[in-house]
Amino acid sequence: MDDYILNEHNKEEFPPAHTAEHLLNQLMMRKYGCERSRNAHIERKKSKITYILPQKPDRKAEKEIEREMNDLIEQDMPVTFQFVTRAELDGIIMSAEPDSPEARLSLERLPEDASDTIRLVRIGDYDVCPCIGKHVRSTSQIGRFEMLGTNWDEMAHTFRIRFKIV
């Protein structure tokens, strides 16, 4: 298939870290019932991503996130793409828990000027998300996920994870 530009994109992602962002979003959704992050800065050297949670995960839970991320990476799940129309997007199941409110894709997060054709990025049967960024071909190409630290904002209930891909 020829490369088509469906939507303009102003970022040049580091594909391993960007793909890890997808895994981390789905992991946090499954573990904590939260939404995908709306505040992520994914870079080659260090990345940060923020989630809204009811309470701060303890140190043991933080270590578990890191361990689970590396387990997911080691599963060598394929990263594939699917093109769908906006009309087809609503109702596509994006997680293994189809009854949860976060399980279905929606148009809510797409920019108003997004094209009618949307590219979905699938990571095995684990995650699917609309995305126009660059990704690795399989999770084993990501490398190792290292959590550098976290911050908790009690007033906003935001949990920020700082990480790097090695």
N, C-alpha and C. Protein backbone atom coordinates (compact mmCIF):
# COMPACT_ATOMS: atom_id res chain seq x y z
N MET A 1 0.85 -1.20 0.00
CA MET A 1 0.00 0.00 0.00
C MET A 1 0.88 1.24 0.00
N ASP A 2 0.51 2.22 -0.78
CA ASP A 2 1.25 3.47 -0.80
C ASP A 2 1.07 4.20 0.52
N ASP A 3 2.01 5.07 0.83
CA ASP A 3 1.88 5.89 2.03
C ASP A 3 0.98 7.06 1.73
N TYR A 4 -0.11 7.15 2.45
CA TYR A 4 -1.03 8.26 2.30
C TYR A 4 -0.96 9.10 3.56
N ILE A 5 -1.00 10.41 3.40
CA ILE A 5 -1.06 11.29 4.56
C ILE A 5 -2.53 11.57 4.82
N LEU A 6 -3.06 10.97 5.87
CA LEU A 6 -4.46 11.16 6.20
C LEU A 6 -4.66 12.44 7.00
N ASN A 7 -3.73 12.69 7.91
CA ASN A 7 -3.80 13.87 8.76
C ASN A 7 -2.38 14.39 8.95
N GLU A 8 -2.24 15.70 9.01
CA GLU A 8 -0.92 16.28 9.24
C GLU A 8 -0.46 15.92 10.65
N HIS A 9 0.85 15.76 10.80
CA HIS A 9 1.41 15.35 12.08
C HIS A 9 2.66 16.18 12.31
N ASN A 10 2.73 16.86 13.44
CA ASN A 10 3.84 17.79 13.66
C ASN A 10 4.91 17.24 14.60
N LYS A 11 4.88 15.94 14.91
CA LYS A 11 5.87 15.37 15.81
C LYS A 11 6.68 14.30 15.09
N GLU A 12 7.90 14.11 15.55
CA GLU A 12 8.74 13.01 15.07
C GLU A 12 9.00 12.13 16.27
N GLU A 13 8.17 11.11 16.46
CA GLU A 13 8.28 10.25 17.63
C GLU A 13 9.50 9.35 17.58
N PHE A 14 9.93 8.92 18.76
CA PHE A 14 10.89 7.84 18.90
C PHE A 14 10.03 6.57 18.97
N PRO A 15 9.97 5.79 17.89
CA PRO A 15 9.01 4.68 17.81
C PRO A 15 8.99 3.72 19.01
N PRO A 16 10.13 3.32 19.59
CA PRO A 16 10.04 2.42 20.76
C PRO A 16 9.30 3.06 21.94
N ALA A 17 9.60 4.32 22.25
CA ALA A 17 8.93 4.97 23.38
C ALA A 17 7.47 5.24 23.06
N HIS A 18 7.17 5.60 21.82
CA HIS A 18 5.78 5.87 21.45
C HIS A 18 4.94 4.60 21.53
N THR A 19 5.49 3.48 21.10
CA THR A 19 4.77 2.20 21.20
C THR A 19 4.60 1.82 22.66
N ALA A 20 5.63 2.07 23.48
CA ALA A 20 5.52 1.80 24.92
C ALA A 20 4.41 2.64 25.54
N GLU A 21 4.23 3.87 25.04
CA GLU A 21 3.13 4.72 25.52
C GLU A 21 1.79 4.03 25.32
N HIS A 22 1.58 3.42 24.18
CA HIS A 22 0.33 2.70 23.93
C HIS A 22 0.15 1.57 24.94
N LEU A 23 1.21 0.78 25.16
CA LEU A 23 1.13 -0.32 26.13
C LEU A 23 0.82 0.21 27.53
N LEU A 24 1.51 1.28 27.94
CA LEU A 24 1.31 1.83 29.27
C LEU A 24 -0.11 2.37 29.44
N ASN A 25 -0.64 3.02 28.42
CA ASN A 25 -2.02 3.49 28.50
C ASN A 25 -2.98 2.34 28.75
N GLN A 26 -2.84 1.27 28.00
CA GLN A 26 -3.77 0.14 28.16
C GLN A 26 -3.55 -0.55 29.52
N LEU A 27 -2.31 -0.67 29.94
CA LEU A 27 -2.02 -1.27 31.25
C LEU A 27 -2.68 -0.47 32.37
N MET A 28 -2.54 0.85 32.32
CA MET A 28 -3.13 1.70 33.37
C MET A 28 -4.66 1.65 33.32
N MET A 29 -5.22 1.59 32.13
CA MET A 29 -6.68 1.47 32.01
C MET A 29 -7.15 0.18 32.67
N ARG A 30 -6.46 -0.91 32.40
CA ARG A 30 -6.86 -2.21 32.95
C ARG A 30 -6.63 -2.29 34.46
N LYS A 31 -5.52 -1.76 34.95
CA LYS A 31 -5.20 -1.85 36.38
C LYS A 31 -6.02 -0.89 37.23
N TYR A 32 -6.26 0.32 36.70
CA TYR A 32 -6.85 1.37 37.54
C TYR A 32 -8.18 1.91 37.01
N GLY A 33 -8.64 1.42 35.87
CA GLY A 33 -9.93 1.87 35.33
C GLY A 33 -9.92 3.33 34.89
N CYS A 34 -8.74 3.87 34.61
CA CYS A 34 -8.64 5.28 34.20
C CYS A 34 -8.71 5.39 32.68
N GLU A 35 -8.74 6.62 32.20
CA GLU A 35 -8.69 6.88 30.76
C GLU A 35 -7.26 6.83 30.29
N ARG A 36 -7.08 6.75 28.96
CA ARG A 36 -5.77 6.95 28.38
C ARG A 36 -5.28 8.33 28.78
N SER A 37 -3.99 8.51 28.87
CA SER A 37 -3.44 9.80 29.26
C SER A 37 -3.77 10.87 28.22
N ARG A 38 -4.06 12.06 28.72
CA ARG A 38 -4.26 13.22 27.85
C ARG A 38 -3.07 14.16 27.95
N ASN A 39 -2.06 13.75 28.73
CA ASN A 39 -0.91 14.61 28.97
C ASN A 39 0.35 13.74 28.94
N ALA A 40 0.91 13.55 27.76
CA ALA A 40 2.11 12.73 27.62
C ALA A 40 3.16 13.50 26.82
N HIS A 41 4.40 13.38 27.25
CA HIS A 41 5.54 13.94 26.54
C HIS A 41 6.50 12.78 26.33
N ILE A 42 6.51 12.25 25.13
CA ILE A 42 7.28 11.06 24.83
C ILE A 42 8.51 11.46 24.03
N GLU A 43 9.68 11.20 24.58
CA GLU A 43 10.94 11.60 23.97
C GLU A 43 11.92 10.43 23.97
N ARG A 44 13.00 10.59 23.23
CA ARG A 44 14.02 9.55 23.14
C ARG A 44 14.73 9.33 24.49
N LYS A 45 15.10 10.40 25.17
CA LYS A 45 15.90 10.28 26.40
C LYS A 45 15.06 10.02 27.64
N LYS A 46 13.94 10.71 27.74
CA LYS A 46 13.09 10.57 28.94
C LYS A 46 11.67 10.97 28.55
N SER A 47 10.71 10.22 29.05
CA SER A 47 9.30 10.50 28.76
C SER A 47 8.53 10.66 30.06
N LYS A 48 7.39 11.35 29.95
CA LYS A 48 6.51 11.48 31.10
C LYS A 48 5.07 11.41 30.62
N ILE A 49 4.26 10.80 31.45
CA ILE A 49 2.87 10.57 31.09
C ILE A 49 2.03 10.64 32.37
N THR A 50 0.88 11.27 32.28
CA THR A 50 0.07 11.54 33.47
C THR A 50 -1.31 10.90 33.36
N TYR A 51 -1.76 10.34 34.48
CA TYR A 51 -3.08 9.70 34.57
C TYR A 51 -3.85 10.31 35.73
N ILE A 52 -5.17 10.33 35.60
CA ILE A 52 -6.03 10.75 36.70
C ILE A 52 -6.50 9.48 37.40
N LEU A 53 -6.16 9.37 38.70
CA LEU A 53 -6.47 8.17 39.49
C LEU A 53 -7.16 8.58 40.79
N PRO A 54 -7.94 7.67 41.38
CA PRO A 54 -8.59 8.01 42.65
C PRO A 54 -7.60 8.11 43.81
N GLN A 55 -6.50 7.36 43.75
CA GLN A 55 -5.48 7.43 44.81
C GLN A 55 -4.12 7.08 44.24
N LYS A 56 -3.09 7.49 44.97
CA LYS A 56 -1.72 7.26 44.52
C LYS A 56 -1.35 5.78 44.67
N PRO A 57 -0.83 5.18 43.62
CA PRO A 57 -0.30 3.82 43.76
C PRO A 57 0.92 3.83 44.69
N ASP A 58 1.05 2.80 45.53
CA ASP A 58 2.21 2.74 46.43
C ASP A 58 3.44 2.23 45.66
N ARG A 59 4.58 2.19 46.32
CA ARG A 59 5.84 1.80 45.68
C ARG A 59 5.76 0.39 45.11
N LYS A 60 5.10 -0.51 45.81
CA LYS A 60 4.95 -1.88 45.33
C LYS A 60 4.17 -1.89 44.00
N ALA A 61 3.10 -1.09 43.93
CA ALA A 61 2.30 -0.99 42.70
C ALA A 61 3.11 -0.37 41.57
N GLU A 62 3.95 0.60 41.88
CA GLU A 62 4.81 1.21 40.86
C GLU A 62 5.77 0.17 40.27
N LYS A 63 6.37 -0.63 41.14
CA LYS A 63 7.29 -1.69 40.68
C LYS A 63 6.53 -2.71 39.82
N GLU A 64 5.28 -2.96 40.19
CA GLU A 64 4.45 -3.91 39.43
C GLU A 64 4.15 -3.36 38.03
N ILE A 65 3.92 -2.06 37.92
CA ILE A 65 3.70 -1.43 36.61
C ILE A 65 4.93 -1.66 35.74
N GLU A 66 6.10 -1.40 36.29
CA GLU A 66 7.34 -1.58 35.54
C GLU A 66 7.52 -3.04 35.12
N ARG A 67 7.27 -3.98 36.04
CA ARG A 67 7.40 -5.40 35.72
C ARG A 67 6.42 -5.83 34.64
N GLU A 68 5.16 -5.40 34.76
CA GLU A 68 4.14 -5.77 33.78
C GLU A 68 4.46 -5.17 32.41
N MET A 69 4.98 -3.95 32.38
CA MET A 69 5.36 -3.35 31.10
C MET A 69 6.43 -4.19 30.42
N ASN A 70 7.45 -4.61 31.16
CA ASN A 70 8.51 -5.42 30.56
C ASN A 70 8.00 -6.80 30.15
N ASP A 71 7.05 -7.35 30.90
CA ASP A 71 6.43 -8.62 30.49
C ASP A 71 5.68 -8.45 29.16
N LEU A 72 4.94 -7.35 29.02
CA LEU A 72 4.22 -7.09 27.77
C LEU A 72 5.19 -6.93 26.61
N ILE A 73 6.26 -6.20 26.83
CA ILE A 73 7.26 -5.99 25.78
C ILE A 73 7.85 -7.32 25.33
N GLU A 74 8.17 -8.19 26.29
CA GLU A 74 8.78 -9.48 25.98
C GLU A 74 7.84 -10.43 25.24
N GLN A 75 6.54 -10.16 25.27
CA GLN A 75 5.58 -11.04 24.57
C GLN A 75 5.71 -10.95 23.06
N ASP A 76 6.46 -10.00 22.56
CA ASP A 76 6.71 -9.85 21.12
C ASP A 76 5.41 -9.78 20.32
N MET A 77 4.48 -8.95 20.82
CA MET A 77 3.20 -8.78 20.13
C MET A 77 3.41 -7.97 18.85
N PRO A 78 2.73 -8.35 17.77
CA PRO A 78 2.85 -7.58 16.54
C PRO A 78 2.15 -6.23 16.67
N VAL A 79 2.72 -5.23 16.03
CA VAL A 79 2.10 -3.90 15.96
C VAL A 79 1.62 -3.73 14.52
N THR A 80 0.31 -3.65 14.36
CA THR A 80 -0.27 -3.59 13.02
C THR A 80 -1.18 -2.37 12.90
N PHE A 81 -1.58 -2.08 11.67
CA PHE A 81 -2.40 -0.91 11.38
C PHE A 81 -3.65 -1.34 10.63
N GLN A 82 -4.72 -0.62 10.88
CA GLN A 82 -5.99 -0.86 10.19
C GLN A 82 -6.59 0.50 9.88
N PHE A 83 -7.13 0.64 8.70
CA PHE A 83 -7.78 1.89 8.31
C PHE A 83 -9.28 1.71 8.36
N VAL A 84 -9.96 2.62 9.06
CA VAL A 84 -11.42 2.58 9.19
C VAL A 84 -11.97 3.98 8.94
N THR A 85 -13.25 4.05 8.65
CA THR A 85 -13.90 5.35 8.52
C THR A 85 -14.37 5.80 9.90
N ARG A 86 -14.68 7.07 10.01
CA ARG A 86 -15.22 7.59 11.27
C ARG A 86 -16.46 6.81 11.70
N ALA A 87 -17.31 6.49 10.74
CA ALA A 87 -18.55 5.76 11.04
C ALA A 87 -18.25 4.38 11.62
N GLU A 88 -17.18 3.75 11.15
CA GLU A 88 -16.82 2.43 11.64
C GLU A 88 -16.11 2.48 12.99
N LEU A 89 -15.55 3.62 13.34
CA LEU A 89 -14.73 3.73 14.55
C LEU A 89 -15.52 3.51 15.83
N ASP A 90 -16.66 4.18 15.98
CA ASP A 90 -17.45 3.99 17.19
C ASP A 90 -17.86 2.53 17.30
N GLY A 91 -17.58 1.95 18.43
CA GLY A 91 -17.99 0.57 18.66
C GLY A 91 -16.89 -0.45 18.50
N ILE A 92 -15.74 -0.07 17.94
CA ILE A 92 -14.64 -1.03 17.86
C ILE A 92 -14.10 -1.23 19.27
N ILE A 93 -13.95 -2.47 19.66
CA ILE A 93 -13.48 -2.79 21.00
C ILE A 93 -11.97 -2.62 21.06
N MET A 94 -11.48 -1.87 22.06
CA MET A 94 -10.05 -1.62 22.16
C MET A 94 -9.38 -2.34 23.32
N SER A 95 -10.12 -3.13 24.09
CA SER A 95 -9.47 -3.87 25.16
C SER A 95 -10.17 -5.20 25.36
N ALA A 96 -9.54 -6.03 26.14
CA ALA A 96 -10.07 -7.37 26.40
C ALA A 96 -11.25 -7.34 27.37
N GLU A 97 -11.61 -6.17 27.86
CA GLU A 97 -12.73 -6.03 28.79
C GLU A 97 -13.83 -5.23 28.11
N PRO A 98 -14.58 -5.87 27.17
CA PRO A 98 -15.52 -5.12 26.33
C PRO A 98 -16.68 -4.48 27.06
N ASP A 99 -16.95 -4.85 28.32
CA ASP A 99 -18.06 -4.26 29.04
C ASP A 99 -17.68 -2.98 29.78
N SER A 100 -16.39 -2.68 29.88
CA SER A 100 -15.99 -1.47 30.59
C SER A 100 -16.22 -0.25 29.69
N PRO A 101 -16.50 0.91 30.30
CA PRO A 101 -16.77 2.10 29.49
C PRO A 101 -15.57 2.53 28.65
N GLU A 102 -14.37 2.19 29.08
CA GLU A 102 -13.17 2.58 28.35
C GLU A 102 -12.86 1.62 27.21
N ALA A 103 -13.64 0.54 27.07
CA ALA A 103 -13.29 -0.53 26.13
C ALA A 103 -13.58 -0.18 24.68
N ARG A 104 -14.45 0.76 24.43
CA ARG A 104 -14.82 1.06 23.04
C ARG A 104 -14.17 2.35 22.57
N LEU A 105 -13.74 2.33 21.34
CA LEU A 105 -13.16 3.53 20.75
C LEU A 105 -14.26 4.54 20.48
N SER A 106 -13.90 5.80 20.50
CA SER A 106 -14.88 6.82 20.17
C SER A 106 -14.19 7.94 19.39
N LEU A 107 -14.98 8.84 18.89
CA LEU A 107 -14.47 9.97 18.13
C LEU A 107 -14.06 11.13 19.03
N GLU A 108 -14.32 11.01 20.32
CA GLU A 108 -14.14 12.11 21.27
C GLU A 108 -12.76 12.76 21.22
N ARG A 109 -11.71 11.97 21.09
CA ARG A 109 -10.36 12.53 21.17
C ARG A 109 -9.77 12.91 19.82
N LEU A 110 -10.48 12.66 18.76
CA LEU A 110 -9.95 13.03 17.44
C LEU A 110 -10.07 14.53 17.24
N PRO A 111 -9.08 15.13 16.59
CA PRO A 111 -9.21 16.56 16.26
C PRO A 111 -10.41 16.77 15.34
N GLU A 112 -11.03 17.92 15.44
CA GLU A 112 -12.21 18.20 14.62
C GLU A 112 -11.91 18.10 13.13
N ASP A 113 -10.67 18.44 12.75
CA ASP A 113 -10.32 18.42 11.34
C ASP A 113 -9.71 17.10 10.88
N ALA A 114 -9.83 16.04 11.70
CA ALA A 114 -9.30 14.73 11.31
C ALA A 114 -10.05 14.22 10.08
N SER A 115 -9.34 13.49 9.24
CA SER A 115 -9.94 12.97 8.01
C SER A 115 -11.03 11.94 8.33
N ASP A 116 -11.82 11.59 7.33
CA ASP A 116 -12.86 10.58 7.51
C ASP A 116 -12.24 9.20 7.69
N THR A 117 -11.06 8.98 7.12
CA THR A 117 -10.37 7.70 7.30
C THR A 117 -9.40 7.84 8.46
N ILE A 118 -9.49 6.90 9.38
CA ILE A 118 -8.70 6.91 10.61
C ILE A 118 -7.78 5.69 10.63
N ARG A 119 -6.53 5.89 11.04
CA ARG A 119 -5.61 4.76 11.18
C ARG A 119 -5.64 4.28 12.62
N LEU A 120 -5.94 3.00 12.79
CA LEU A 120 -5.89 2.37 14.11
C LEU A 120 -4.56 1.62 14.23
N VAL A 121 -3.95 1.73 15.39
CA VAL A 121 -2.74 0.98 15.70
C VAL A 121 -3.14 -0.12 16.68
N ARG A 122 -2.84 -1.36 16.31
CA ARG A 122 -3.14 -2.52 17.16
C ARG A 122 -1.84 -3.12 17.68
N ILE A 123 -1.84 -3.44 18.95
CA ILE A 123 -0.71 -4.16 19.55
C ILE A 123 -1.26 -5.51 19.99
N GLY A 124 -1.02 -6.52 19.14
CA GLY A 124 -1.58 -7.84 19.39
C GLY A 124 -3.07 -7.73 19.65
N ASP A 125 -3.54 -8.49 20.62
CA ASP A 125 -4.93 -8.38 21.07
C ASP A 125 -5.02 -7.52 22.32
N TYR A 126 -3.92 -6.83 22.65
CA TYR A 126 -3.85 -6.09 23.91
C TYR A 126 -4.41 -4.67 23.81
N ASP A 127 -4.14 -3.98 22.70
CA ASP A 127 -4.56 -2.58 22.61
C ASP A 127 -4.86 -2.20 21.17
N VAL A 128 -5.78 -1.27 21.01
CA VAL A 128 -6.04 -0.64 19.71
C VAL A 128 -6.39 0.81 19.99
N CYS A 129 -5.83 1.71 19.16
CA CYS A 129 -6.00 3.14 19.41
C CYS A 129 -5.80 3.91 18.11
N PRO A 130 -6.62 4.93 17.85
CA PRO A 130 -6.36 5.78 16.68
C PRO A 130 -5.03 6.50 16.88
N CYS A 131 -4.16 6.47 15.88
CA CYS A 131 -2.86 7.12 16.03
C CYS A 131 -2.21 7.27 14.65
N ILE A 132 -1.55 8.40 14.43
CA ILE A 132 -0.85 8.61 13.17
C ILE A 132 0.67 8.59 13.34
N GLY A 133 1.14 8.28 14.57
CA GLY A 133 2.56 8.31 14.86
C GLY A 133 3.32 7.08 14.36
N LYS A 134 4.63 7.10 14.60
CA LYS A 134 5.49 6.00 14.21
C LYS A 134 5.61 4.99 15.34
N HIS A 135 5.68 3.72 14.97
CA HIS A 135 5.73 2.63 15.93
C HIS A 135 6.74 1.57 15.49
N VAL A 136 7.14 0.72 16.42
CA VAL A 136 7.97 -0.44 16.07
C VAL A 136 7.07 -1.50 15.46
N ARG A 137 7.66 -2.54 14.86
CA ARG A 137 6.86 -3.60 14.23
C ARG A 137 6.37 -4.65 15.22
N SER A 138 7.09 -4.81 16.33
CA SER A 138 6.65 -5.75 17.37
C SER A 138 7.18 -5.26 18.71
N THR A 139 6.52 -5.65 19.78
CA THR A 139 6.88 -5.11 21.09
C THR A 139 8.29 -5.47 21.52
N SER A 140 8.83 -6.58 21.04
CA SER A 140 10.20 -6.94 21.44
C SER A 140 11.23 -5.94 20.93
N GLN A 141 10.86 -5.10 19.98
CA GLN A 141 11.77 -4.08 19.46
C GLN A 141 11.79 -2.82 20.34
N ILE A 142 10.94 -2.78 21.35
CA ILE A 142 10.88 -1.59 22.22
C ILE A 142 12.15 -1.47 23.05
N GLY A 143 12.60 -2.56 23.64
CA GLY A 143 13.70 -2.51 24.59
C GLY A 143 13.16 -2.70 25.99
N ARG A 144 13.87 -2.20 26.98
CA ARG A 144 13.45 -2.37 28.38
C ARG A 144 12.83 -1.06 28.88
N PHE A 145 11.71 -1.18 29.58
CA PHE A 145 11.01 -0.04 30.17
C PHE A 145 11.58 0.18 31.57
N GLU A 146 12.09 1.36 31.83
CA GLU A 146 12.60 1.70 33.16
C GLU A 146 11.83 2.89 33.71
N MET A 147 11.20 2.67 34.86
CA MET A 147 10.49 3.77 35.51
C MET A 147 11.53 4.60 36.26
N LEU A 148 11.59 5.88 35.95
CA LEU A 148 12.56 6.78 36.56
C LEU A 148 12.03 7.41 37.85
N GLY A 149 10.73 7.48 37.97
CA GLY A 149 10.12 8.08 39.15
C GLY A 149 8.67 8.44 38.88
N THR A 150 8.00 8.88 39.93
CA THR A 150 6.60 9.27 39.81
C THR A 150 6.36 10.53 40.65
N ASN A 151 5.29 11.22 40.33
CA ASN A 151 4.83 12.35 41.13
C ASN A 151 3.32 12.20 41.31
N TRP A 152 2.84 12.59 42.47
CA TRP A 152 1.42 12.55 42.78
C TRP A 152 0.96 13.95 43.17
N ASP A 153 -0.11 14.42 42.55
CA ASP A 153 -0.74 15.69 42.91
C ASP A 153 -2.05 15.34 43.59
N GLU A 154 -2.09 15.50 44.90
CA GLU A 154 -3.26 15.11 45.70
C GLU A 154 -4.50 15.91 45.32
N MET A 155 -4.33 17.20 45.04
CA MET A 155 -5.49 18.03 44.72
C MET A 155 -6.11 17.61 43.38
N ALA A 156 -5.30 17.38 42.39
CA ALA A 156 -5.79 17.05 41.05
C ALA A 156 -5.95 15.54 40.83
N HIS A 157 -5.44 14.76 41.78
CA HIS A 157 -5.43 13.29 41.65
C HIS A 157 -4.72 12.84 40.38
N THR A 158 -3.61 13.51 40.07
CA THR A 158 -2.84 13.11 38.90
C THR A 158 -1.59 12.35 39.32
N PHE A 159 -1.33 11.30 38.60
CA PHE A 159 -0.18 10.43 38.84
C PHE A 159 0.69 10.49 37.59
N ARG A 160 1.87 11.08 37.72
CA ARG A 160 2.79 11.22 36.59
C ARG A 160 3.88 10.17 36.70
N ILE A 161 4.09 9.46 35.60
CA ILE A 161 5.15 8.46 35.51
C ILE A 161 6.22 9.01 34.59
N ARG A 162 7.47 9.00 35.08
CA ARG A 162 8.61 9.34 34.24
C ARG A 162 9.32 8.04 33.91
N PHE A 163 9.64 7.84 32.63
CA PHE A 163 10.27 6.58 32.22
C PHE A 163 11.22 6.80 31.06
N LYS A 164 12.04 5.81 30.83
CA LYS A 164 12.88 5.80 29.64
C LYS A 164 12.88 4.40 29.08
N ILE A 165 13.23 4.31 27.82
CA ILE A 165 13.36 3.04 27.12
C ILE A 165 14.85 2.81 26.89
N VAL A 166 15.33 1.66 27.33
CA VAL A 166 16.75 1.33 27.21
C VAL A 166 16.91 0.21 26.21
